[in-house]
Amino acid sequence: MLPVHTVVDSPVGPLTLVAVDGALVGLYMERQRHRPPRETFGEPGTAPFGPVIEQLAEYFAGQRDSFDVPMTLTGTPFQRTVWAALCEIPYGETVSYGELAEQIGRPTASRAVGLANGKNPISIIVPCHRVVGATGNLTGYGGGLDRKQHLLDFERSNATQPALALDY
């Protein structure tokens, strides 16, 4: 089946969502590095994007810390391993490229992990923004370091908010 796409607004700018056969295959920011050419996104359409748009809205409202949408991640076996490991990084937390390399059983592959991280086709939902340099400094982000900082600050502020106490 041919891809379809739509564009939604977000606090980090417009996000282009791309789906094939009802599964999300891409979530791209404007001027994102490794963003495929626009002509590969297919025709505009909204049919498969309802749950993705809803969950992104909940995420940006601070009401969701993980996603449950149908996705198809296309890449090498190594890239898919890295992307799966990204989904295991807890909301509001970060790991280094080296720590992620160790987690996937490839302790000397931190550079390869960084390259795979940069080619993540489903930003935000597959949280590549949660990976930082060995010293904790922000390093590389396909969507730009300002967006990475925004997402990390947003998650940290929401992760540390105490649950609301209800008085009866």
N, C-alpha and C. Protein backbone atom coordinates (compact mmCIF):
# COMPACT_ATOMS: atom_id res chain seq x y z
N MET A 1 0.84 -1.18 0.00
CA MET A 1 0.00 0.00 0.00
C MET A 1 0.88 1.25 0.00
N LEU A 2 0.37 2.32 -0.51
CA LEU A 2 1.10 3.57 -0.61
C LEU A 2 1.04 4.34 0.71
N PRO A 3 2.08 5.12 0.99
CA PRO A 3 2.07 5.92 2.22
C PRO A 3 1.07 7.07 2.13
N VAL A 4 0.63 7.51 3.31
CA VAL A 4 -0.19 8.71 3.46
C VAL A 4 0.47 9.53 4.56
N HIS A 5 0.18 10.83 4.57
CA HIS A 5 0.77 11.68 5.60
C HIS A 5 -0.19 12.77 6.03
N THR A 6 0.10 13.35 7.17
CA THR A 6 -0.59 14.52 7.65
C THR A 6 0.41 15.32 8.47
N VAL A 7 0.10 16.58 8.69
CA VAL A 7 0.95 17.46 9.49
C VAL A 7 0.12 17.96 10.67
N VAL A 8 0.69 17.86 11.87
CA VAL A 8 0.02 18.33 13.08
C VAL A 8 0.92 19.34 13.78
N ASP A 9 0.29 20.29 14.45
CA ASP A 9 1.04 21.26 15.23
C ASP A 9 1.45 20.65 16.57
N SER A 10 2.56 21.14 17.12
CA SER A 10 3.01 20.69 18.43
C SER A 10 3.84 21.81 19.05
N PRO A 11 4.14 21.69 20.33
CA PRO A 11 4.99 22.70 20.97
C PRO A 11 6.41 22.75 20.41
N VAL A 12 6.83 21.73 19.66
CA VAL A 12 8.16 21.75 19.04
C VAL A 12 8.06 22.02 17.54
N GLY A 13 6.93 22.55 17.10
CA GLY A 13 6.73 22.87 15.70
C GLY A 13 5.91 21.81 14.98
N PRO A 14 5.65 22.03 13.71
CA PRO A 14 4.85 21.07 12.94
C PRO A 14 5.53 19.70 12.89
N LEU A 15 4.72 18.66 13.03
CA LEU A 15 5.20 17.28 12.94
C LEU A 15 4.52 16.62 11.75
N THR A 16 5.31 16.02 10.88
CA THR A 16 4.77 15.28 9.74
C THR A 16 4.68 13.81 10.13
N LEU A 17 3.48 13.28 10.09
CA LEU A 17 3.23 11.87 10.38
C LEU A 17 3.07 11.13 9.07
N VAL A 18 3.71 9.98 8.94
CA VAL A 18 3.64 9.18 7.73
C VAL A 18 3.22 7.77 8.13
N ALA A 19 2.26 7.19 7.39
CA ALA A 19 1.79 5.83 7.69
C ALA A 19 1.72 5.01 6.41
N VAL A 20 1.91 3.72 6.58
CA VAL A 20 1.74 2.74 5.51
C VAL A 20 0.92 1.60 6.10
N ASP A 21 -0.11 1.20 5.40
CA ASP A 21 -0.99 0.11 5.86
C ASP A 21 -1.48 0.34 7.28
N GLY A 22 -1.79 1.58 7.65
CA GLY A 22 -2.34 1.89 8.95
C GLY A 22 -1.33 1.96 10.08
N ALA A 23 -0.06 1.71 9.81
CA ALA A 23 0.97 1.77 10.84
C ALA A 23 1.86 3.00 10.62
N LEU A 24 2.21 3.64 11.71
CA LEU A 24 3.10 4.80 11.65
C LEU A 24 4.49 4.35 11.23
N VAL A 25 5.04 4.99 10.20
CA VAL A 25 6.40 4.67 9.74
C VAL A 25 7.32 5.88 9.86
N GLY A 26 6.76 7.06 10.14
CA GLY A 26 7.58 8.24 10.27
C GLY A 26 6.90 9.32 11.08
N LEU A 27 7.70 10.03 11.88
CA LEU A 27 7.26 11.22 12.58
C LEU A 27 8.45 12.17 12.50
N TYR A 28 8.31 13.19 11.66
CA TYR A 28 9.42 14.07 11.35
C TYR A 28 9.12 15.51 11.72
N MET A 29 10.15 16.18 12.26
CA MET A 29 10.08 17.60 12.57
C MET A 29 10.54 18.39 11.36
N GLU A 30 10.18 19.66 11.32
CA GLU A 30 10.67 20.53 10.25
C GLU A 30 12.19 20.61 10.32
N ARG A 31 12.83 20.63 9.18
CA ARG A 31 14.28 20.74 9.07
C ARG A 31 15.01 19.66 9.86
N GLN A 32 14.38 18.50 9.99
CA GLN A 32 15.02 17.39 10.69
C GLN A 32 16.07 16.74 9.82
N ARG A 33 17.22 16.50 10.41
CA ARG A 33 18.28 15.79 9.69
C ARG A 33 17.78 14.37 9.39
N HIS A 34 18.14 13.82 8.28
CA HIS A 34 17.73 12.49 7.82
C HIS A 34 16.22 12.41 7.52
N ARG A 35 15.60 13.53 7.30
CA ARG A 35 14.19 13.55 6.93
C ARG A 35 14.09 13.14 5.46
N PRO A 36 13.28 12.14 5.16
CA PRO A 36 13.16 11.73 3.75
C PRO A 36 12.56 12.85 2.90
N PRO A 37 12.74 12.78 1.60
CA PRO A 37 12.12 13.79 0.73
C PRO A 37 10.59 13.77 0.87
N ARG A 38 10.00 14.94 0.83
CA ARG A 38 8.55 15.09 1.01
C ARG A 38 7.75 14.20 0.05
N GLU A 39 8.26 14.02 -1.18
CA GLU A 39 7.50 13.23 -2.15
C GLU A 39 7.37 11.76 -1.75
N THR A 40 8.17 11.29 -0.79
CA THR A 40 8.04 9.90 -0.33
C THR A 40 6.96 9.74 0.73
N PHE A 41 6.36 10.84 1.18
CA PHE A 41 5.35 10.79 2.23
C PHE A 41 3.97 10.38 1.73
N GLY A 42 3.78 10.32 0.43
CA GLY A 42 2.49 9.94 -0.12
C GLY A 42 1.49 11.08 -0.09
N GLU A 43 0.26 10.70 -0.35
CA GLU A 43 -0.82 11.69 -0.40
C GLU A 43 -1.24 12.13 1.00
N PRO A 44 -1.78 13.33 1.12
CA PRO A 44 -2.33 13.76 2.41
C PRO A 44 -3.53 12.90 2.78
N GLY A 45 -3.68 12.63 4.05
CA GLY A 45 -4.82 11.86 4.55
C GLY A 45 -4.79 11.82 6.06
N THR A 46 -5.94 11.64 6.66
CA THR A 46 -6.00 11.63 8.12
C THR A 46 -6.48 10.30 8.69
N ALA A 47 -6.96 9.41 7.84
CA ALA A 47 -7.60 8.18 8.31
C ALA A 47 -6.78 7.39 9.34
N PRO A 48 -5.51 7.06 9.10
CA PRO A 48 -4.83 6.21 10.07
C PRO A 48 -4.23 6.94 11.27
N PHE A 49 -4.38 8.25 11.36
CA PHE A 49 -3.62 9.02 12.33
C PHE A 49 -4.35 9.39 13.62
N GLY A 50 -5.62 9.06 13.73
CA GLY A 50 -6.39 9.44 14.92
C GLY A 50 -5.72 9.09 16.24
N PRO A 51 -5.36 7.82 16.47
CA PRO A 51 -4.72 7.47 17.74
C PRO A 51 -3.37 8.15 17.96
N VAL A 52 -2.59 8.32 16.89
CA VAL A 52 -1.29 8.98 17.02
C VAL A 52 -1.48 10.43 17.43
N ILE A 53 -2.38 11.12 16.75
CA ILE A 53 -2.63 12.53 17.06
C ILE A 53 -3.15 12.68 18.49
N GLU A 54 -4.05 11.81 18.89
CA GLU A 54 -4.61 11.84 20.26
C GLU A 54 -3.51 11.61 21.30
N GLN A 55 -2.67 10.61 21.07
CA GLN A 55 -1.62 10.31 22.04
C GLN A 55 -0.55 11.39 22.08
N LEU A 56 -0.22 11.99 20.95
CA LEU A 56 0.72 13.11 20.96
C LEU A 56 0.14 14.29 21.73
N ALA A 57 -1.15 14.57 21.56
CA ALA A 57 -1.79 15.66 22.30
C ALA A 57 -1.74 15.38 23.80
N GLU A 58 -1.99 14.14 24.19
CA GLU A 58 -1.92 13.77 25.61
C GLU A 58 -0.49 13.91 26.13
N TYR A 59 0.48 13.49 25.34
CA TYR A 59 1.89 13.61 25.72
C TYR A 59 2.23 15.07 25.97
N PHE A 60 1.91 15.94 25.01
CA PHE A 60 2.27 17.35 25.15
C PHE A 60 1.42 18.07 26.20
N ALA A 61 0.33 17.46 26.64
CA ALA A 61 -0.45 18.02 27.74
C ALA A 61 0.05 17.50 29.09
N GLY A 62 1.07 16.64 29.07
CA GLY A 62 1.61 16.08 30.30
C GLY A 62 0.77 14.94 30.86
N GLN A 63 -0.11 14.36 30.04
CA GLN A 63 -1.01 13.30 30.49
C GLN A 63 -0.60 11.91 30.02
N ARG A 64 0.49 11.79 29.30
CA ARG A 64 0.93 10.50 28.76
C ARG A 64 2.45 10.45 28.80
N ASP A 65 2.99 9.32 29.25
CA ASP A 65 4.45 9.19 29.28
C ASP A 65 4.97 8.05 28.41
N SER A 66 4.07 7.38 27.71
CA SER A 66 4.47 6.35 26.74
C SER A 66 3.39 6.27 25.66
N PHE A 67 3.71 5.58 24.59
CA PHE A 67 2.81 5.53 23.44
C PHE A 67 2.46 4.08 23.12
N ASP A 68 1.27 3.91 22.58
CA ASP A 68 0.80 2.59 22.18
C ASP A 68 0.08 2.75 20.84
N VAL A 69 0.86 2.92 19.80
CA VAL A 69 0.30 3.07 18.45
C VAL A 69 0.97 2.05 17.53
N PRO A 70 0.25 1.58 16.52
CA PRO A 70 0.89 0.66 15.57
C PRO A 70 2.02 1.36 14.82
N MET A 71 3.21 0.76 14.87
CA MET A 71 4.38 1.33 14.20
C MET A 71 5.09 0.25 13.40
N THR A 72 5.70 0.66 12.33
CA THR A 72 6.60 -0.20 11.57
C THR A 72 7.91 0.55 11.42
N LEU A 73 8.94 0.04 12.06
CA LEU A 73 10.26 0.67 12.00
C LEU A 73 11.10 -0.08 10.98
N THR A 74 11.46 0.62 9.91
CA THR A 74 12.24 0.02 8.84
C THR A 74 13.68 0.47 8.95
N GLY A 75 14.56 -0.51 9.12
CA GLY A 75 15.99 -0.23 9.23
C GLY A 75 16.74 -1.53 9.30
N THR A 76 18.03 -1.41 9.54
CA THR A 76 18.85 -2.61 9.68
C THR A 76 18.50 -3.31 10.99
N PRO A 77 18.87 -4.57 11.14
CA PRO A 77 18.63 -5.24 12.43
C PRO A 77 19.27 -4.48 13.60
N PHE A 78 20.47 -3.95 13.40
CA PHE A 78 21.12 -3.18 14.47
C PHE A 78 20.31 -1.93 14.81
N GLN A 79 19.88 -1.19 13.80
CA GLN A 79 19.08 0.02 14.05
C GLN A 79 17.80 -0.34 14.80
N ARG A 80 17.12 -1.40 14.38
CA ARG A 80 15.88 -1.78 15.06
C ARG A 80 16.14 -2.17 16.51
N THR A 81 17.29 -2.79 16.79
CA THR A 81 17.66 -3.12 18.17
C THR A 81 17.84 -1.85 18.99
N VAL A 82 18.53 -0.88 18.42
CA VAL A 82 18.74 0.39 19.11
C VAL A 82 17.40 1.08 19.34
N TRP A 83 16.56 1.12 18.33
CA TRP A 83 15.27 1.81 18.47
C TRP A 83 14.39 1.13 19.50
N ALA A 84 14.44 -0.18 19.58
CA ALA A 84 13.67 -0.90 20.61
C ALA A 84 14.21 -0.52 22.00
N ALA A 85 15.52 -0.41 22.13
CA ALA A 85 16.12 -0.03 23.41
C ALA A 85 15.74 1.40 23.80
N LEU A 86 15.60 2.28 22.81
CA LEU A 86 15.17 3.65 23.11
C LEU A 86 13.81 3.66 23.80
N CYS A 87 12.94 2.77 23.37
CA CYS A 87 11.58 2.71 23.94
C CYS A 87 11.58 2.24 25.39
N GLU A 88 12.70 1.70 25.85
CA GLU A 88 12.82 1.23 27.23
C GLU A 88 13.35 2.30 28.18
N ILE A 89 13.80 3.43 27.64
CA ILE A 89 14.31 4.51 28.50
C ILE A 89 13.12 5.17 29.18
N PRO A 90 13.10 5.19 30.51
CA PRO A 90 11.94 5.77 31.21
C PRO A 90 11.73 7.25 30.89
N TYR A 91 10.48 7.63 30.88
CA TYR A 91 10.06 9.01 30.69
C TYR A 91 10.78 9.91 31.70
N GLY A 92 11.31 11.03 31.21
CA GLY A 92 11.96 11.99 32.08
C GLY A 92 13.39 11.64 32.45
N GLU A 93 13.90 10.53 31.95
CA GLU A 93 15.26 10.11 32.27
C GLU A 93 16.10 10.09 30.99
N THR A 94 17.42 10.04 31.18
CA THR A 94 18.33 9.97 30.04
C THR A 94 19.34 8.85 30.27
N VAL A 95 19.92 8.39 29.17
CA VAL A 95 21.05 7.46 29.20
C VAL A 95 22.07 7.98 28.20
N SER A 96 23.31 7.56 28.38
CA SER A 96 24.34 7.96 27.43
C SER A 96 24.37 6.97 26.27
N TYR A 97 25.04 7.38 25.20
CA TYR A 97 25.20 6.48 24.06
C TYR A 97 25.93 5.21 24.49
N GLY A 98 26.95 5.37 25.34
CA GLY A 98 27.70 4.22 25.83
C GLY A 98 26.84 3.29 26.68
N GLU A 99 26.00 3.87 27.55
CA GLU A 99 25.11 3.04 28.36
C GLU A 99 24.13 2.28 27.48
N LEU A 100 23.62 2.94 26.46
CA LEU A 100 22.69 2.28 25.55
C LEU A 100 23.40 1.15 24.80
N ALA A 101 24.64 1.38 24.39
CA ALA A 101 25.42 0.34 23.72
C ALA A 101 25.59 -0.87 24.63
N GLU A 102 25.87 -0.62 25.90
CA GLU A 102 26.00 -1.73 26.85
C GLU A 102 24.67 -2.46 27.02
N GLN A 103 23.59 -1.73 27.11
CA GLN A 103 22.27 -2.34 27.30
C GLN A 103 21.91 -3.29 26.16
N ILE A 104 22.38 -3.00 24.95
CA ILE A 104 22.05 -3.88 23.83
C ILE A 104 23.13 -4.94 23.60
N GLY A 105 24.09 -5.02 24.54
CA GLY A 105 25.11 -6.04 24.44
C GLY A 105 26.23 -5.72 23.47
N ARG A 106 26.40 -4.45 23.13
CA ARG A 106 27.46 -4.03 22.20
C ARG A 106 28.24 -2.88 22.84
N PRO A 107 28.96 -3.14 23.93
CA PRO A 107 29.58 -2.07 24.71
C PRO A 107 30.58 -1.19 23.97
N THR A 108 31.12 -1.65 22.86
CA THR A 108 32.08 -0.83 22.12
C THR A 108 31.43 -0.11 20.93
N ALA A 109 30.12 -0.16 20.86
CA ALA A 109 29.41 0.37 19.68
C ALA A 109 28.70 1.70 19.95
N SER A 110 29.24 2.53 20.84
CA SER A 110 28.52 3.77 21.16
C SER A 110 28.38 4.68 19.95
N ARG A 111 29.39 4.72 19.07
CA ARG A 111 29.26 5.56 17.87
C ARG A 111 28.18 5.01 16.94
N ALA A 112 28.14 3.71 16.77
CA ALA A 112 27.11 3.09 15.93
C ALA A 112 25.73 3.31 16.53
N VAL A 113 25.64 3.27 17.85
CA VAL A 113 24.37 3.56 18.53
C VAL A 113 23.97 4.99 18.22
N GLY A 114 24.92 5.91 18.26
CA GLY A 114 24.63 7.31 17.94
C GLY A 114 24.12 7.48 16.53
N LEU A 115 24.74 6.78 15.59
CA LEU A 115 24.29 6.86 14.19
C LEU A 115 22.89 6.30 14.03
N ALA A 116 22.62 5.16 14.67
CA ALA A 116 21.28 4.56 14.59
C ALA A 116 20.26 5.47 15.25
N ASN A 117 20.64 6.05 16.37
CA ASN A 117 19.76 6.97 17.08
C ASN A 117 19.38 8.14 16.18
N GLY A 118 20.36 8.67 15.45
CA GLY A 118 20.11 9.79 14.56
C GLY A 118 19.23 9.46 13.38
N LYS A 119 19.15 8.19 13.03
CA LYS A 119 18.31 7.78 11.89
C LYS A 119 16.93 7.29 12.34
N ASN A 120 16.61 7.43 13.60
CA ASN A 120 15.30 7.04 14.12
C ASN A 120 14.20 7.73 13.30
N PRO A 121 13.32 6.96 12.65
CA PRO A 121 12.31 7.58 11.80
C PRO A 121 11.06 8.04 12.55
N ILE A 122 10.94 7.71 13.83
CA ILE A 122 9.71 8.06 14.56
C ILE A 122 10.10 8.83 15.83
N SER A 123 10.49 10.08 15.63
CA SER A 123 10.89 10.93 16.75
C SER A 123 9.78 11.04 17.79
N ILE A 124 10.16 11.39 18.98
CA ILE A 124 9.30 11.60 20.14
C ILE A 124 8.71 10.28 20.63
N ILE A 125 7.98 9.57 19.78
CA ILE A 125 7.35 8.30 20.18
C ILE A 125 8.42 7.26 20.45
N VAL A 126 9.43 7.17 19.60
CA VAL A 126 10.63 6.39 19.87
C VAL A 126 11.63 7.43 20.39
N PRO A 127 11.79 7.51 21.72
CA PRO A 127 12.38 8.70 22.34
C PRO A 127 13.89 8.83 22.24
N CYS A 128 14.37 9.11 21.04
CA CYS A 128 15.81 9.31 20.82
C CYS A 128 16.32 10.55 21.52
N HIS A 129 15.42 11.46 21.90
CA HIS A 129 15.84 12.67 22.61
C HIS A 129 16.35 12.37 24.02
N ARG A 130 16.12 11.15 24.53
CA ARG A 130 16.54 10.78 25.88
C ARG A 130 17.97 10.26 25.94
N VAL A 131 18.71 10.34 24.84
CA VAL A 131 20.09 9.88 24.81
C VAL A 131 21.01 11.10 24.79
N VAL A 132 21.98 11.09 25.70
CA VAL A 132 22.88 12.23 25.86
C VAL A 132 24.33 11.75 25.81
N GLY A 133 25.26 12.69 25.81
CA GLY A 133 26.67 12.35 25.81
C GLY A 133 27.10 11.74 27.14
N ALA A 134 28.30 11.20 27.18
CA ALA A 134 28.82 10.51 28.37
C ALA A 134 28.85 11.41 29.60
N THR A 135 29.02 12.71 29.40
CA THR A 135 29.07 13.64 30.54
C THR A 135 27.70 14.20 30.90
N GLY A 136 26.66 13.76 30.18
CA GLY A 136 25.32 14.27 30.41
C GLY A 136 24.97 15.46 29.54
N ASN A 137 25.94 15.92 28.75
CA ASN A 137 25.69 17.06 27.86
C ASN A 137 24.85 16.63 26.67
N LEU A 138 24.10 17.58 26.15
CA LEU A 138 23.32 17.31 24.95
C LEU A 138 24.27 17.21 23.77
N THR A 139 24.12 16.17 23.01
CA THR A 139 24.90 16.01 21.78
C THR A 139 23.92 15.60 20.71
N GLY A 140 24.15 16.05 19.52
CA GLY A 140 23.35 15.71 18.35
C GLY A 140 21.90 15.36 18.58
N TYR A 141 21.06 15.90 17.77
CA TYR A 141 19.65 15.52 17.75
C TYR A 141 19.13 15.92 16.38
N GLY A 142 18.53 14.97 15.69
CA GLY A 142 18.06 15.22 14.33
C GLY A 142 17.11 16.39 14.23
N GLY A 143 16.36 16.65 15.31
CA GLY A 143 15.41 17.76 15.31
C GLY A 143 16.01 19.06 15.80
N GLY A 144 17.29 19.05 16.18
CA GLY A 144 17.95 20.25 16.69
C GLY A 144 18.06 20.21 18.21
N LEU A 145 19.17 20.72 18.72
CA LEU A 145 19.41 20.66 20.16
C LEU A 145 18.39 21.46 20.97
N ASP A 146 17.86 22.55 20.39
CA ASP A 146 16.85 23.32 21.11
C ASP A 146 15.60 22.48 21.34
N ARG A 147 15.20 21.69 20.36
CA ARG A 147 14.03 20.82 20.53
C ARG A 147 14.33 19.70 21.53
N LYS A 148 15.53 19.16 21.46
CA LYS A 148 15.92 18.10 22.40
C LYS A 148 15.84 18.64 23.82
N GLN A 149 16.41 19.82 24.04
CA GLN A 149 16.36 20.43 25.37
C GLN A 149 14.93 20.66 25.82
N HIS A 150 14.09 21.15 24.91
CA HIS A 150 12.68 21.39 25.24
C HIS A 150 12.00 20.09 25.68
N LEU A 151 12.18 19.02 24.90
CA LEU A 151 11.54 17.75 25.24
C LEU A 151 12.04 17.20 26.57
N LEU A 152 13.33 17.27 26.81
CA LEU A 152 13.88 16.77 28.08
C LEU A 152 13.39 17.60 29.25
N ASP A 153 13.41 18.92 29.14
CA ASP A 153 12.91 19.79 30.21
C ASP A 153 11.43 19.53 30.48
N PHE A 154 10.66 19.38 29.40
CA PHE A 154 9.23 19.11 29.52
C PHE A 154 8.99 17.81 30.28
N GLU A 155 9.69 16.75 29.87
CA GLU A 155 9.50 15.46 30.52
C GLU A 155 9.95 15.49 31.98
N ARG A 156 11.08 16.11 32.24
CA ARG A 156 11.57 16.17 33.62
C ARG A 156 10.60 16.92 34.52
N SER A 157 10.04 18.01 34.02
CA SER A 157 9.11 18.78 34.85
C SER A 157 7.83 18.00 35.10
N ASN A 158 7.39 17.23 34.14
CA ASN A 158 6.17 16.44 34.33
C ASN A 158 6.42 15.18 35.14
N ALA A 159 7.62 14.60 35.01
CA ALA A 159 7.93 13.38 35.74
C ALA A 159 8.07 13.64 37.23
N THR A 160 8.42 14.87 37.61
CA THR A 160 8.63 15.18 39.02
C THR A 160 7.41 15.82 39.68
N GLN A 161 6.36 16.02 38.92
CA GLN A 161 5.16 16.62 39.49
C GLN A 161 4.45 15.60 40.38
N PRO A 162 4.12 15.97 41.61
CA PRO A 162 3.41 15.02 42.49
C PRO A 162 1.99 14.80 41.98
N ALA A 163 1.48 13.63 42.27
CA ALA A 163 0.10 13.31 41.89
C ALA A 163 -0.83 14.27 42.62
N LEU A 164 -1.91 14.63 41.99
CA LEU A 164 -2.87 15.54 42.60
C LEU A 164 -3.60 14.83 43.73
N ALA A 165 -3.69 15.48 44.86
CA ALA A 165 -4.46 14.94 45.99
C ALA A 165 -5.89 15.46 45.88
N LEU A 166 -6.82 14.58 45.99
CA LEU A 166 -8.22 14.97 45.92
C LEU A 166 -8.81 15.01 47.31
N ASP A 167 -9.40 16.14 47.67
CA ASP A 167 -10.07 16.26 48.97
C ASP A 167 -11.55 15.97 48.79
N TYR A 168 -12.05 15.15 49.65
CA TYR A 168 -13.49 14.83 49.60
C TYR A 168 -14.19 15.37 50.80
